[in-house]
C-alpha atoms as a PDB file:
ATOM      1  CA  UNK A   1     -17.972  15.021   7.795  1.00  0.00           C
ATOM      2  CA  UNK A   2     -15.531  13.516  10.285  1.00  0.00           C
ATOM      3  CA  UNK A   3     -16.312  10.047   8.989  1.00  0.00           C
ATOM      4  CA  UNK A   4     -15.615  11.197   5.416  1.00  0.00           C
ATOM      5  CA  UNK A   5     -12.212  12.565   6.422  1.00  0.00           C
ATOM      6  CA  UNK A   6     -11.366   9.404   8.348  1.00  0.00           C
ATOM      7  CA  UNK A   7     -12.424   7.264   5.382  1.00  0.00           C
ATOM      8  CA  UNK A   8     -10.136   9.245   3.096  1.00  0.00           C
ATOM      9  CA  UNK A   9      -7.274   9.114   5.605  1.00  0.00           C
ATOM     10  CA  UNK A  10      -7.546   5.322   5.723  1.00  0.00           C
ATOM     11  CA  UNK A  11      -7.661   5.250   1.915  1.00  0.00           C
ATOM     12  CA  UNK A  12      -4.488   7.360   1.767  1.00  0.00           C
ATOM     13  CA  UNK A  13      -2.778   4.898   4.093  1.00  0.00           C
ATOM     14  CA  UNK A  14      -3.891   2.010   1.880  1.00  0.00           C
ATOM     15  CA  UNK A  15      -2.477   3.827  -1.151  1.00  0.00           C
ATOM     16  CA  UNK A  16       0.824   4.477   0.639  1.00  0.00           C
ATOM     17  CA  UNK A  17       0.994   0.852   1.660  1.00  0.00           C
ATOM     18  CA  UNK A  18       1.008  -0.273  -1.983  1.00  0.00           C
ATOM     19  CA  UNK A  19       2.929   2.758  -3.312  1.00  0.00           C
ATOM     20  CA  UNK A  20       6.084   2.123  -1.272  1.00  0.00           C
ATOM     21  CA  UNK A  21       6.610  -1.486  -2.438  1.00  0.00           C
ATOM     22  CA  UNK A  22       5.858  -0.554  -6.046  1.00  0.00           C
ATOM     23  CA  UNK A  23       8.473   2.182  -5.975  1.00  0.00           C
ATOM     24  CA  UNK A  24      11.012  -0.071  -4.281  1.00  0.00           C
ATOM     25  CA  UNK A  25      10.496  -2.772  -6.922  1.00  0.00           C
ATOM     26  CA  UNK A  26      10.615  -0.335  -9.854  1.00  0.00           C
ATOM     27  CA  UNK A  27      13.631   1.661  -8.665  1.00  0.00           C
ATOM     28  CA  UNK A  28      16.019  -1.177  -7.770  1.00  0.00           C
ATOM     29  CA  UNK A  29      18.574  -0.109 -10.372  1.00  0.00           C
ATOM     30  CA  UNK A  30      18.341   3.547  -9.384  1.00  0.00           C
ATOM     31  CA  UNK A  31      18.799   2.760  -5.706  1.00  0.00           C
ATOM     32  CA  UNK A  32      21.727   0.493  -6.529  1.00  0.00           C
ATOM     33  CA  UNK A  33      23.390   3.191  -8.615  1.00  0.00           C
ATOM     34  CA  UNK A  34      22.865   5.965  -6.055  1.00  0.00           C
ATOM     35  CA  UNK A  35      23.934   3.987  -2.987  1.00  0.00           C
ATOM     36  CA  UNK A  36      26.636   1.963  -4.814  1.00  0.00           C
ATOM     37  CA  UNK A  37      25.420  -1.354  -3.432  1.00  0.00           C
ATOM     38  CA  UNK A  38      24.996  -4.535  -5.408  1.00  0.00           C
ATOM     39  CA  UNK A  39      21.593  -5.310  -6.879  1.00  0.00           C
ATOM     40  CA  UNK A  40      21.329  -8.527  -4.845  1.00  0.00           C
ATOM     41  CA  UNK A  41      21.754  -6.566  -1.626  1.00  0.00           C
ATOM     42  CA  UNK A  42      19.104  -4.075  -2.710  1.00  0.00           C
ATOM     43  CA  UNK A  43      16.707  -6.931  -3.578  1.00  0.00           C
ATOM     44  CA  UNK A  44      17.179  -8.528  -0.147  1.00  0.00           C
ATOM     45  CA  UNK A  45      16.712  -5.169   1.573  1.00  0.00           C
ATOM     46  CA  UNK A  46      13.602  -4.483  -0.514  1.00  0.00           C
ATOM     47  CA  UNK A  47      12.151  -7.868   0.458  1.00  0.00           C
ATOM     48  CA  UNK A  48      12.778  -7.213   4.148  1.00  0.00           C
ATOM     49  CA  UNK A  49      11.210  -3.749   3.934  1.00  0.00           C
ATOM     50  CA  UNK A  50       8.197  -5.194   2.105  1.00  0.00           C
ATOM     51  CA  UNK A  51       7.712  -7.867   4.765  1.00  0.00           C
ATOM     52  CA  UNK A  52       7.977  -5.367   7.619  1.00  0.00           C
ATOM     53  CA  UNK A  53       5.611  -2.961   5.870  1.00  0.00           C
ATOM     54  CA  UNK A  54       2.987  -5.621   5.199  1.00  0.00           C
ATOM     55  CA  UNK A  55       3.010  -6.850   8.806  1.00  0.00           C
ATOM     56  CA  UNK A  56       3.125  -3.409  10.458  1.00  0.00           C
ATOM     57  CA  UNK A  57       0.733  -1.861   7.933  1.00  0.00           C
ATOM     58  CA  UNK A  58      -1.805  -4.636   8.364  1.00  0.00           C
ATOM     59  CA  UNK A  59      -1.778  -4.267  12.137  1.00  0.00           C
ATOM     60  CA  UNK A  60      -2.002  -0.471  12.034  1.00  0.00           C
ATOM     61  CA  UNK A  61      -4.740  -0.403   9.397  1.00  0.00           C
ATOM     62  CA  UNK A  62      -6.716  -3.102  11.194  1.00  0.00           C
ATOM     63  CA  UNK A  63      -6.822  -1.102  14.419  1.00  0.00           C
ATOM     64  CA  UNK A  64      -7.430   2.231  12.662  1.00  0.00           C
ATOM     65  CA  UNK A  65     -10.271   0.757  10.606  1.00  0.00           C
ATOM     66  CA  UNK A  66     -11.778  -0.796  13.708  1.00  0.00           C
ATOM     67  CA  UNK A  67     -11.469   2.417  15.730  1.00  0.00           C
ATOM     68  CA  UNK A  68     -12.230   5.129  13.161  1.00  0.00           C
ATOM     69  CA  UNK A  69     -14.724   3.491  10.816  1.00  0.00           C
ATOM     70  CA  UNK A  70     -16.796   1.788  13.536  1.00  0.00           C
ATOM     71  CA  UNK A  71     -17.763  -1.270  11.516  1.00  0.00           C
ATOM     72  CA  UNK A  72     -19.963   0.628   9.069  1.00  0.00           C
ATOM     73  CA  UNK A  73     -20.702  -0.810   5.670  1.00  0.00           C
ATOM     74  CA  UNK A  74     -19.473   2.451   4.108  1.00  0.00           C
ATOM     75  CA  UNK A  75     -15.888   1.564   4.993  1.00  0.00           C
ATOM     76  CA  UNK A  76     -15.976  -0.799   2.020  1.00  0.00           C
ATOM     77  CA  UNK A  77     -15.509   2.327  -0.104  1.00  0.00           C
ATOM     78  CA  UNK A  78     -11.826   2.083   0.797  1.00  0.00           C
ATOM     79  CA  UNK A  79     -11.629  -0.777  -1.711  1.00  0.00           C
ATOM     80  CA  UNK A  80     -12.071   1.849  -4.444  1.00  0.00           C
ATOM     81  CA  UNK A  81     -10.907   5.095  -2.801  1.00  0.00           C
ATOM     82  CA  UNK A  82      -7.242   4.101  -2.542  1.00  0.00           C
ATOM     83  CA  UNK A  83      -6.889   4.064  -6.353  1.00  0.00           C
ATOM     84  CA  UNK A  84      -7.016   7.870  -6.967  1.00  0.00           C
ATOM     85  CA  UNK A  85      -4.540   8.468  -4.162  1.00  0.00           C
ATOM     86  CA  UNK A  86      -2.231   5.780  -5.552  1.00  0.00           C
ATOM     87  CA  UNK A  87      -2.359   7.388  -9.004  1.00  0.00           C
ATOM     88  CA  UNK A  88      -1.686  10.795  -7.420  1.00  0.00           C
ATOM     89  CA  UNK A  89       1.332   9.452  -5.509  1.00  0.00           C
ATOM     90  CA  UNK A  90       2.706   7.834  -8.671  1.00  0.00           C
ATOM     91  CA  UNK A  91       2.208  11.049 -10.655  1.00  0.00           C
ATOM     92  CA  UNK A  92       3.913  13.206  -8.016  1.00  0.00           C
ATOM     93  CA  UNK A  93       6.835  10.786  -7.688  1.00  0.00           C
ATOM     94  CA  UNK A  94       7.368  10.506 -11.440  1.00  0.00           C
ATOM     95  CA  UNK A  95       7.160  14.286 -11.790  1.00  0.00           C
ATOM     96  CA  UNK A  96       9.621  14.986  -8.970  1.00  0.00           C
ATOM     97  CA  UNK A  97      12.074  12.169  -9.782  1.00  0.00           C
ATOM     98  CA  UNK A  98      12.055  11.485 -13.534  1.00  0.00           C
ATOM     99  CA  UNK A  99      14.213   8.728 -15.011  1.00  0.00           C
ATOM    100  CA  UNK A 100      17.107  10.576 -16.633  1.00  0.00           C
ATOM    101  CA  UNK A 101      19.483   7.642 -16.950  1.00  0.00           C
ATOM    102  CA  UNK A 102      18.464   4.818 -19.293  1.00  0.00           C
ATOM    103  CA  UNK A 103      19.999   2.156 -17.056  1.00  0.00           C
ATOM    104  CA  UNK A 104      17.421   2.930 -14.360  1.00  0.00           C
ATOM    105  CA  UNK A 105      14.530   1.521 -16.370  1.00  0.00           C
ATOM    106  CA  UNK A 106      12.842  -1.367 -14.525  1.00  0.00           C
ATOM    107  CA  UNK A 107      12.934  -4.859 -15.941  1.00  0.00           C
ATOM    108  CA  UNK A 108       9.740  -6.350 -17.457  1.00  0.00           C
ATOM    109  CA  UNK A 109       9.351  -8.934 -14.684  1.00  0.00           C
ATOM    110  CA  UNK A 110       8.811  -6.195 -12.106  1.00  0.00           C
ATOM    111  CA  UNK A 111       5.831  -4.985 -14.143  1.00  0.00           C
ATOM    112  CA  UNK A 112       4.248  -8.425 -13.936  1.00  0.00           C
ATOM    113  CA  UNK A 113       4.775  -8.489 -10.162  1.00  0.00           C
ATOM    114  CA  UNK A 114       3.175  -5.071  -9.832  1.00  0.00           C
ATOM    115  CA  UNK A 115       0.178  -6.020 -11.984  1.00  0.00           C
ATOM    116  CA  UNK A 116      -0.367  -9.152  -9.890  1.00  0.00           C
ATOM    117  CA  UNK A 117      -0.091  -7.152  -6.683  1.00  0.00           C
ATOM    118  CA  UNK A 118      -2.538  -4.514  -7.888  1.00  0.00           C
ATOM    119  CA  UNK A 119      -5.058  -7.202  -8.834  1.00  0.00           C
ATOM    120  CA  UNK A 120      -4.844  -8.892  -5.419  1.00  0.00           C
ATOM    121  CA  UNK A 121      -4.711  -5.684  -3.341  1.00  0.00           C
ATOM    122  CA  UNK A 122      -8.479  -4.869  -3.352  1.00  0.00           C
ATOM    123  CA  UNK A 123      -9.161  -8.372  -2.000  1.00  0.00           C
ATOM    124  CA  UNK A 124      -6.615  -7.737   0.760  1.00  0.00           C
ATOM    125  CA  UNK A 125      -8.458  -4.514   1.663  1.00  0.00           C
ATOM    126  CA  UNK A 126     -11.791  -6.372   1.596  1.00  0.00           C
ATOM    127  CA  UNK A 127     -10.498  -9.066   3.955  1.00  0.00           C
ATOM    128  CA  UNK A 128      -9.001  -6.475   6.307  1.00  0.00           C
ATOM    129  CA  UNK A 129     -12.287  -4.529   6.369  1.00  0.00           C
ATOM    130  CA  UNK A 130     -14.249  -7.730   6.913  1.00  0.00           C
ATOM    131  CA  UNK A 131     -12.152  -8.725   9.928  1.00  0.00           C
ATOM    132  CA  UNK A 132     -12.361  -5.254  11.445  1.00  0.00           C
ATOM    133  CA  UNK A 133     -16.156  -5.204  10.990  1.00  0.00           C
ATOM    134  CA  UNK A 134     -16.773  -8.696  12.371  1.00  0.00           C
ATOM    135  CA  UNK A 135     -14.622  -8.113  15.430  1.00  0.00           C
ATOM    136  CA  UNK A 136     -16.709  -5.023  16.265  1.00  0.00           C
ATOM    137  CA  UNK A 137     -19.961  -6.959  15.898  1.00  0.00           C
ATOM    138  CA  UNK A 138     -18.796  -9.678  18.294  1.00  0.00           C
ATOM    139  CA  UNK A 139     -17.850  -7.155  20.972  1.00  0.00           C
ATOM    140  CA  UNK A 140     -21.159  -5.305  20.584  1.00  0.00           C
ATOM    141  CA  UNK A 141     -23.267  -8.480  20.871  1.00  0.00           C
ATOM    142  CA  UNK A 142     -21.497  -9.765  23.979  1.00  0.00           C
ATOM    143  CA  UNK A 143     -21.712  -6.442  25.827  1.00  0.00           C
END
């Protein structure tokens, strides 16, 4: 049961890791309107936040996967389990913060970026799980 909870906690973190950039990309106009900054400034800030999140998130998830999931093959379920949590986060966000101003609608190019990111993201999770599993096997064999 503990493993199941840890697996779901890691999946929630994976979902949050893709949810935050998606919301930052989609809500550029809303953020710009609420903060009264230029869109170029918001885009630069969004890029910096994305870069920091990818680096920090990768490091944190690597060590949590290595520590909590113990190199089991079942941790590959995280490749699929993040999707329901991502949908739940999107639903909650859209319900709590609906678009009431027509100028806040995202541009079509952001949708293409999001689709590309969502296609690549399961492979990112697979690679991260692979590295966390292989590093455990090397330490077990040498001990």
